[in-house]
Amino acid sequence: CVAEDIREGKDETIDELVTALQKLMR
């Protein structure tokens, strides 16, 4: 999903990934 969205220029997916990683690292 992330790789495909980045290829398609959907940079908001990066923000979503960062948020998910922050939740996982609590």
PDB file of all heavy atoms in Angstrom:
ATOM      1  N   CYS A   1       0.811  -1.227   0.000  1.00  0.00           N
ATOM      2  CA  CYS A   1       0.000   0.000   0.000  1.00  0.00           C
ATOM      3  C   CYS A   1       0.843   1.276   0.000  1.00  0.00           C
ATOM      4  O   CYS A   1       0.608   2.180  -0.803  1.00  0.00           O
ATOM      5  CB  CYS A   1      -0.941   0.011   1.204  1.00  0.00           C
ATOM      6  SG  CYS A   1      -2.057  -1.385   1.249  1.00  0.00           S
ATOM      7  N   VAL A   2       1.811   1.340   0.910  1.00  0.00           N
ATOM      8  CA  VAL A   2       2.614   2.568   1.020  1.00  0.00           C
ATOM      9  C   VAL A   2       3.430   2.788  -0.247  1.00  0.00           C
ATOM     10  O   VAL A   2       3.435   3.891  -0.813  1.00  0.00           O
ATOM     11  CB  VAL A   2       3.518   2.530   2.278  1.00  0.00           C
ATOM     12  CG1 VAL A   2       4.455   3.723   2.307  1.00  0.00           C
ATOM     13  CG2 VAL A   2       2.657   2.496   3.544  1.00  0.00           C
ATOM     14  N   ALA A   3       4.092   1.737  -0.723  1.00  0.00           N
ATOM     15  CA  ALA A   3       4.909   1.872  -1.928  1.00  0.00           C
ATOM     16  C   ALA A   3       4.058   2.300  -3.123  1.00  0.00           C
ATOM     17  O   ALA A   3       4.450   3.192  -3.892  1.00  0.00           O
ATOM     18  CB  ALA A   3       5.628   0.556  -2.226  1.00  0.00           C
ATOM     19  N   GLU A   4       2.896   1.677  -3.266  1.00  0.00           N
ATOM     20  CA  GLU A   4       2.024   2.020  -4.387  1.00  0.00           C
ATOM     21  C   GLU A   4       1.544   3.466  -4.288  1.00  0.00           C
ATOM     22  O   GLU A   4       1.561   4.201  -5.278  1.00  0.00           O
ATOM     23  CB  GLU A   4       0.822   1.079  -4.423  1.00  0.00           C
ATOM     24  CG  GLU A   4      -0.084   1.339  -5.610  1.00  0.00           C
ATOM     25  CD  GLU A   4      -1.192   0.309  -5.713  1.00  0.00           C
ATOM     26  OE1 GLU A   4      -0.900  -0.883  -5.568  1.00  0.00           O
ATOM     27  OE2 GLU A   4      -2.343   0.725  -5.936  1.00  0.00           O
ATOM     28  N   ASP A   5       1.122   3.887  -3.097  1.00  0.00           N
ATOM     29  CA  ASP A   5       0.640   5.256  -2.931  1.00  0.00           C
ATOM     30  C   ASP A   5       1.747   6.274  -3.189  1.00  0.00           C
ATOM     31  O   ASP A   5       1.498   7.324  -3.796  1.00  0.00           O
ATOM     32  CB  ASP A   5       0.058   5.461  -1.526  1.00  0.00           C
ATOM     33  CG  ASP A   5      -1.346   4.889  -1.385  1.00  0.00           C
ATOM     34  OD1 ASP A   5      -1.889   4.372  -2.383  1.00  0.00           O
ATOM     35  OD2 ASP A   5      -1.896   4.959  -0.271  1.00  0.00           O
ATOM     36  N   ILE A   6       2.957   5.985  -2.766  1.00  0.00           N
ATOM     37  CA  ILE A   6       4.071   6.908  -3.024  1.00  0.00           C
ATOM     38  C   ILE A   6       4.319   7.009  -4.524  1.00  0.00           C
ATOM     39  O   ILE A   6       4.521   8.112  -5.052  1.00  0.00           O
ATOM     40  CB  ILE A   6       5.336   6.466  -2.259  1.00  0.00           C
ATOM     41  CG1 ILE A   6       5.140   6.720  -0.763  1.00  0.00           C
ATOM     42  CG2 ILE A   6       6.573   7.202  -2.787  1.00  0.00           C
ATOM     43  CD1 ILE A   6       6.225   6.135   0.114  1.00  0.00           C
ATOM     44  N   ARG A   7       4.297   5.869  -5.220  1.00  0.00           N
ATOM     45  CA  ARG A   7       4.469   5.898  -6.679  1.00  0.00           C
ATOM     46  C   ARG A   7       3.386   6.733  -7.350  1.00  0.00           C
ATOM     47  O   ARG A   7       3.624   7.346  -8.388  1.00  0.00           O
ATOM     48  CB  ARG A   7       4.473   4.478  -7.248  1.00  0.00           C
ATOM     49  CG  ARG A   7       5.771   3.732  -7.048  1.00  0.00           C
ATOM     50  CD  ARG A   7       5.828   2.449  -7.877  1.00  0.00           C
ATOM     51  NE  ARG A   7       4.992   1.393  -7.358  1.00  0.00           N
ATOM     52  CZ  ARG A   7       5.334   0.544  -6.389  1.00  0.00           C
ATOM     53  NH1 ARG A   7       6.520   0.641  -5.821  1.00  0.00           N
ATOM     54  NH2 ARG A   7       4.503  -0.397  -5.996  1.00  0.00           N
ATOM     55  N   GLU A   8       2.193   6.737  -6.758  1.00  0.00           N
ATOM     56  CA  GLU A   8       1.077   7.496  -7.332  1.00  0.00           C
ATOM     57  C   GLU A   8       1.038   8.936  -6.828  1.00  0.00           C
ATOM     58  O   GLU A   8       0.110   9.679  -7.134  1.00  0.00           O
ATOM     59  CB  GLU A   8      -0.243   6.787  -7.014  1.00  0.00           C
ATOM     60  CG  GLU A   8      -0.384   5.454  -7.709  1.00  0.00           C
ATOM     61  CD  GLU A   8      -1.667   4.719  -7.339  1.00  0.00           C
ATOM     62  OE1 GLU A   8      -2.491   5.269  -6.579  1.00  0.00           O
ATOM     63  OE2 GLU A   8      -1.836   3.587  -7.814  1.00  0.00           O
ATOM     64  N   GLY A   9       2.024   9.328  -6.019  1.00  0.00           N
ATOM     65  CA  GLY A   9       2.095  10.704  -5.545  1.00  0.00           C
ATOM     66  C   GLY A   9       1.199  11.024  -4.372  1.00  0.00           C
ATOM     67  O   GLY A   9       0.955  12.198  -4.067  1.00  0.00           O
ATOM     68  N   LYS A  10       0.714  10.013  -3.680  1.00  0.00           N
ATOM     69  CA  LYS A  10      -0.165  10.227  -2.529  1.00  0.00           C
ATOM     70  C   LYS A  10       0.682  10.368  -1.264  1.00  0.00           C
ATOM     71  O   LYS A  10       0.801   9.445  -0.465  1.00  0.00           O
ATOM     72  CB  LYS A  10      -1.158   9.071  -2.393  1.00  0.00           C
ATOM     73  CG  LYS A  10      -2.088   8.927  -3.565  1.00  0.00           C
ATOM     74  CD  LYS A  10      -2.993   7.733  -3.390  1.00  0.00           C
ATOM     75  CE  LYS A  10      -3.858   7.498  -4.607  1.00  0.00           C
ATOM     76  NZ  LYS A  10      -4.630   6.248  -4.468  1.00  0.00           N
ATOM     77  N   ASP A  11       1.234  11.544  -1.072  1.00  0.00           N
ATOM     78  CA  ASP A  11       2.137  11.778   0.052  1.00  0.00           C
ATOM     79  C   ASP A  11       1.459  11.702   1.412  1.00  0.00           C
ATOM     80  O   ASP A  11       2.119  11.505   2.428  1.00  0.00           O
ATOM     81  CB  ASP A  11       2.834  13.138  -0.104  1.00  0.00           C
ATOM     82  CG  ASP A  11       3.811  13.152  -1.268  1.00  0.00           C
ATOM     83  OD1 ASP A  11       4.301  12.067  -1.646  1.00  0.00           O
ATOM     84  OD2 ASP A  11       4.079  14.244  -1.796  1.00  0.00           O
ATOM     85  N   GLU A  12       0.140  11.830   1.468  1.00  0.00           N
ATOM     86  CA  GLU A  12      -0.568  11.741   2.750  1.00  0.00           C
ATOM     87  C   GLU A  12      -0.388  10.355   3.382  1.00  0.00           C
ATOM     88  O   GLU A  12      -0.507  10.200   4.596  1.00  0.00           O
ATOM     89  CB  GLU A  12      -2.057  12.073   2.598  1.00  0.00           C
ATOM     90  CG  GLU A  12      -2.853  11.112   1.748  1.00  0.00           C
ATOM     91  CD  GLU A  12      -2.833  11.416   0.238  1.00  0.00           C
ATOM     92  OE1 GLU A  12      -2.074  12.296  -0.200  1.00  0.00           O
ATOM     93  OE2 GLU A  12      -3.597  10.751  -0.475  1.00  0.00           O
ATOM     94  N   THR A  13      -0.065   9.381   2.556  1.00  0.00           N
ATOM     95  CA  THR A  13       0.165   8.027   3.073  1.00  0.00           C
ATOM     96  C   THR A  13       1.400   8.000   3.975  1.00  0.00           C
ATOM     97  O   THR A  13       1.441   7.231   4.939  1.00  0.00           O
ATOM     98  CB  THR A  13       0.323   7.033   1.901  1.00  0.00           C
ATOM     99  OG1 THR A  13      -0.880   7.058   1.146  1.00  0.00           O
ATOM    100  CG2 THR A  13       0.571   5.625   2.392  1.00  0.00           C
ATOM    101  N   ILE A  14       2.362   8.837   3.685  1.00  0.00           N
ATOM    102  CA  ILE A  14       3.556   8.914   4.537  1.00  0.00           C
ATOM    103  C   ILE A  14       3.170   9.422   5.920  1.00  0.00           C
ATOM    104  O   ILE A  14       3.610   8.874   6.936  1.00  0.00           O
ATOM    105  CB  ILE A  14       4.644   9.805   3.897  1.00  0.00           C
ATOM    106  CG1 ILE A  14       5.126   9.161   2.587  1.00  0.00           C
ATOM    107  CG2 ILE A  14       5.805  10.033   4.864  1.00  0.00           C
ATOM    108  CD1 ILE A  14       6.013  10.038   1.747  1.00  0.00           C
ATOM    109  N   ASP A  15       2.327  10.449   5.971  1.00  0.00           N
ATOM    110  CA  ASP A  15       1.858  10.964   7.262  1.00  0.00           C
ATOM    111  C   ASP A  15       1.091   9.886   8.026  1.00  0.00           C
ATOM    112  O   ASP A  15       1.248   9.741   9.238  1.00  0.00           O
ATOM    113  CB  ASP A  15       0.963  12.198   7.068  1.00  0.00           C
ATOM    114  CG  ASP A  15       1.724  13.380   6.486  1.00  0.00           C
ATOM    115  OD1 ASP A  15       2.949  13.474   6.712  1.00  0.00           O
ATOM    116  OD2 ASP A  15       1.088  14.207   5.795  1.00  0.00           O
ATOM    117  N   GLU A  16       0.262   9.127   7.315  1.00  0.00           N
ATOM    118  CA  GLU A  16      -0.493   8.043   7.935  1.00  0.00           C
ATOM    119  C   GLU A  16       0.460   6.989   8.512  1.00  0.00           C
ATOM    120  O   GLU A  16       0.262   6.500   9.626  1.00  0.00           O
ATOM    121  CB  GLU A  16      -1.421   7.411   6.903  1.00  0.00           C
ATOM    122  CG  GLU A  16      -2.264   6.273   7.439  1.00  0.00           C
ATOM    123  CD  GLU A  16      -3.088   5.629   6.343  1.00  0.00           C
ATOM    124  OE1 GLU A  16      -2.501   4.991   5.440  1.00  0.00           O
ATOM    125  OE2 GLU A  16      -4.319   5.760   6.400  1.00  0.00           O
ATOM    126  N   LEU A  17       1.505   6.655   7.755  1.00  0.00           N
ATOM    127  CA  LEU A  17       2.498   5.681   8.215  1.00  0.00           C
ATOM    128  C   LEU A  17       3.237   6.193   9.445  1.00  0.00           C
ATOM    129  O   LEU A  17       3.427   5.447  10.414  1.00  0.00           O
ATOM    130  CB  LEU A  17       3.487   5.362   7.094  1.00  0.00           C
ATOM    131  CG  LEU A  17       4.624   4.405   7.453  1.00  0.00           C
ATOM    132  CD1 LEU A  17       4.078   3.052   7.882  1.00  0.00           C
ATOM    133  CD2 LEU A  17       5.571   4.266   6.270  1.00  0.00           C
ATOM    134  N   VAL A  18       3.630   7.446   9.438  1.00  0.00           N
ATOM    135  CA  VAL A  18       4.324   8.029  10.588  1.00  0.00           C
ATOM    136  C   VAL A  18       3.433   7.965  11.829  1.00  0.00           C
ATOM    137  O   VAL A  18       3.879   7.582  12.914  1.00  0.00           O
ATOM    138  CB  VAL A  18       4.768   9.484  10.294  1.00  0.00           C
ATOM    139  CG1 VAL A  18       5.237  10.192  11.554  1.00  0.00           C
ATOM    140  CG2 VAL A  18       5.865   9.495   9.235  1.00  0.00           C
ATOM    141  N   THR A  19       2.175   8.306  11.677  1.00  0.00           N
ATOM    142  CA  THR A  19       1.222   8.235  12.802  1.00  0.00           C
ATOM    143  C   THR A  19       1.097   6.809  13.316  1.00  0.00           C
ATOM    144  O   THR A  19       1.107   6.576  14.537  1.00  0.00           O
ATOM    145  CB  THR A  19      -0.157   8.786  12.370  1.00  0.00           C
ATOM    146  OG1 THR A  19      -0.011  10.143  11.954  1.00  0.00           O
ATOM    147  CG2 THR A  19      -1.159   8.699  13.503  1.00  0.00           C
ATOM    148  N   ALA A  20       0.993   5.862  12.407  1.00  0.00           N
ATOM    149  CA  ALA A  20       0.892   4.449  12.816  1.00  0.00           C
ATOM    150  C   ALA A  20       2.151   4.010  13.569  1.00  0.00           C
ATOM    151  O   ALA A  20       2.063   3.316  14.590  1.00  0.00           O
ATOM    152  CB  ALA A  20       0.663   3.565  11.590  1.00  0.00           C
ATOM    153  N   LEU A  21       3.319   4.394  13.080  1.00  0.00           N
ATOM    154  CA  LEU A  21       4.571   4.032  13.752  1.00  0.00           C
ATOM    155  C   LEU A  21       4.659   4.661  15.147  1.00  0.00           C
ATOM    156  O   LEU A  21       5.116   4.017  16.087  1.00  0.00           O
ATOM    157  CB  LEU A  21       5.772   4.476  12.903  1.00  0.00           C
ATOM    158  CG  LEU A  21       6.017   3.657  11.635  1.00  0.00           C
ATOM    159  CD1 LEU A  21       7.063   4.320  10.773  1.00  0.00           C
ATOM    160  CD2 LEU A  21       6.412   2.243  11.990  1.00  0.00           C
ATOM    161  N   GLN A  22       4.200   5.903  15.270  1.00  0.00           N
ATOM    162  CA  GLN A  22       4.213   6.550  16.574  1.00  0.00           C
ATOM    163  C   GLN A  22       3.318   5.798  17.556  1.00  0.00           C
ATOM    164  O   GLN A  22       3.676   5.630  18.727  1.00  0.00           O
ATOM    165  CB  GLN A  22       3.772   8.017  16.445  1.00  0.00           C
ATOM    166  CG  GLN A  22       4.812   8.871  15.772  1.00  0.00           C
ATOM    167  CD  GLN A  22       4.297  10.267  15.422  1.00  0.00           C
ATOM    168  OE1 GLN A  22       3.111  10.498  15.282  1.00  0.00           O
ATOM    169  NE2 GLN A  22       5.229  11.202  15.248  1.00  0.00           N
ATOM    170  N   LYS A  23       2.178   5.322  17.097  1.00  0.00           N
ATOM    171  CA  LYS A  23       1.283   4.552  17.974  1.00  0.00           C
ATOM    172  C   LYS A  23       1.927   3.223  18.377  1.00  0.00           C
ATOM    173  O   LYS A  23       1.781   2.786  19.512  1.00  0.00           O
ATOM    174  CB  LYS A  23      -0.053   4.297  17.271  1.00  0.00           C
ATOM    175  CG  LYS A  23      -0.909   5.526  17.153  1.00  0.00           C
ATOM    176  CD  LYS A  23      -2.191   5.238  16.413  1.00  0.00           C
ATOM    177  CE  LYS A  23      -3.022   6.507  16.259  1.00  0.00           C
ATOM    178  NZ  LYS A  23      -4.245   6.277  15.473  1.00  0.00           N
ATOM    179  N   LEU A  24       2.610   2.579  17.435  1.00  0.00           N
ATOM    180  CA  LEU A  24       3.258   1.299  17.731  1.00  0.00           C
ATOM    181  C   LEU A  24       4.409   1.447  18.726  1.00  0.00           C
ATOM    182  O   LEU A  24       4.710   0.516  19.470  1.00  0.00           O
ATOM    183  CB  LEU A  24       3.787   0.660  16.455  1.00  0.00           C
ATOM    184  CG  LEU A  24       2.761   0.044  15.522  1.00  0.00           C
ATOM    185  CD1 LEU A  24       3.412  -0.372  14.220  1.00  0.00           C
ATOM    186  CD2 LEU A  24       2.103  -1.148  16.188  1.00  0.00           C
ATOM    187  N   MET A  25       5.035   2.617  18.743  1.00  0.00           N
ATOM    188  CA  MET A  25       6.213   2.824  19.594  1.00  0.00           C
ATOM    189  C   MET A  25       5.882   3.363  20.975  1.00  0.00           C
ATOM    190  O   MET A  25       6.793   3.667  21.734  1.00  0.00           O
ATOM    191  CB  MET A  25       7.200   3.752  18.877  1.00  0.00           C
ATOM    192  CG  MET A  25       7.792   3.172  17.646  1.00  0.00           C
ATOM    193  SD  MET A  25       8.847   4.393  16.883  1.00  0.00           S
ATOM    194  CE  MET A  25       9.748   3.399  15.743  1.00  0.00           C
ATOM    195  N   ARG A  26       4.644   3.469  21.317  1.00  0.00           N
ATOM    196  CA  ARG A  26       4.270   3.988  22.638  1.00  0.00           C
ATOM    197  C   ARG A  26       4.742   3.070  23.725  1.00  0.00           C
ATOM    198  O   ARG A  26       4.886   1.921  23.654  1.00  0.00           O
ATOM    199  CB  ARG A  26       2.757   4.144  22.749  1.00  0.00           C
ATOM    200  CG  ARG A  26       2.270   5.324  21.984  1.00  0.00           C
ATOM    201  CD  ARG A  26       0.804   5.527  22.255  1.00  0.00           C
ATOM    202  NE  ARG A  26       0.335   6.579  21.376  1.00  0.00           N
ATOM    203  CZ  ARG A  26      -0.921   6.789  21.091  1.00  0.00           C
ATOM    204  NH1 ARG A  26      -1.851   6.040  21.599  1.00  0.00           N
ATOM    205  NH2 ARG A  26      -1.267   7.759  20.302  1.00  0.00           N
TER     206      ARG A  26
END
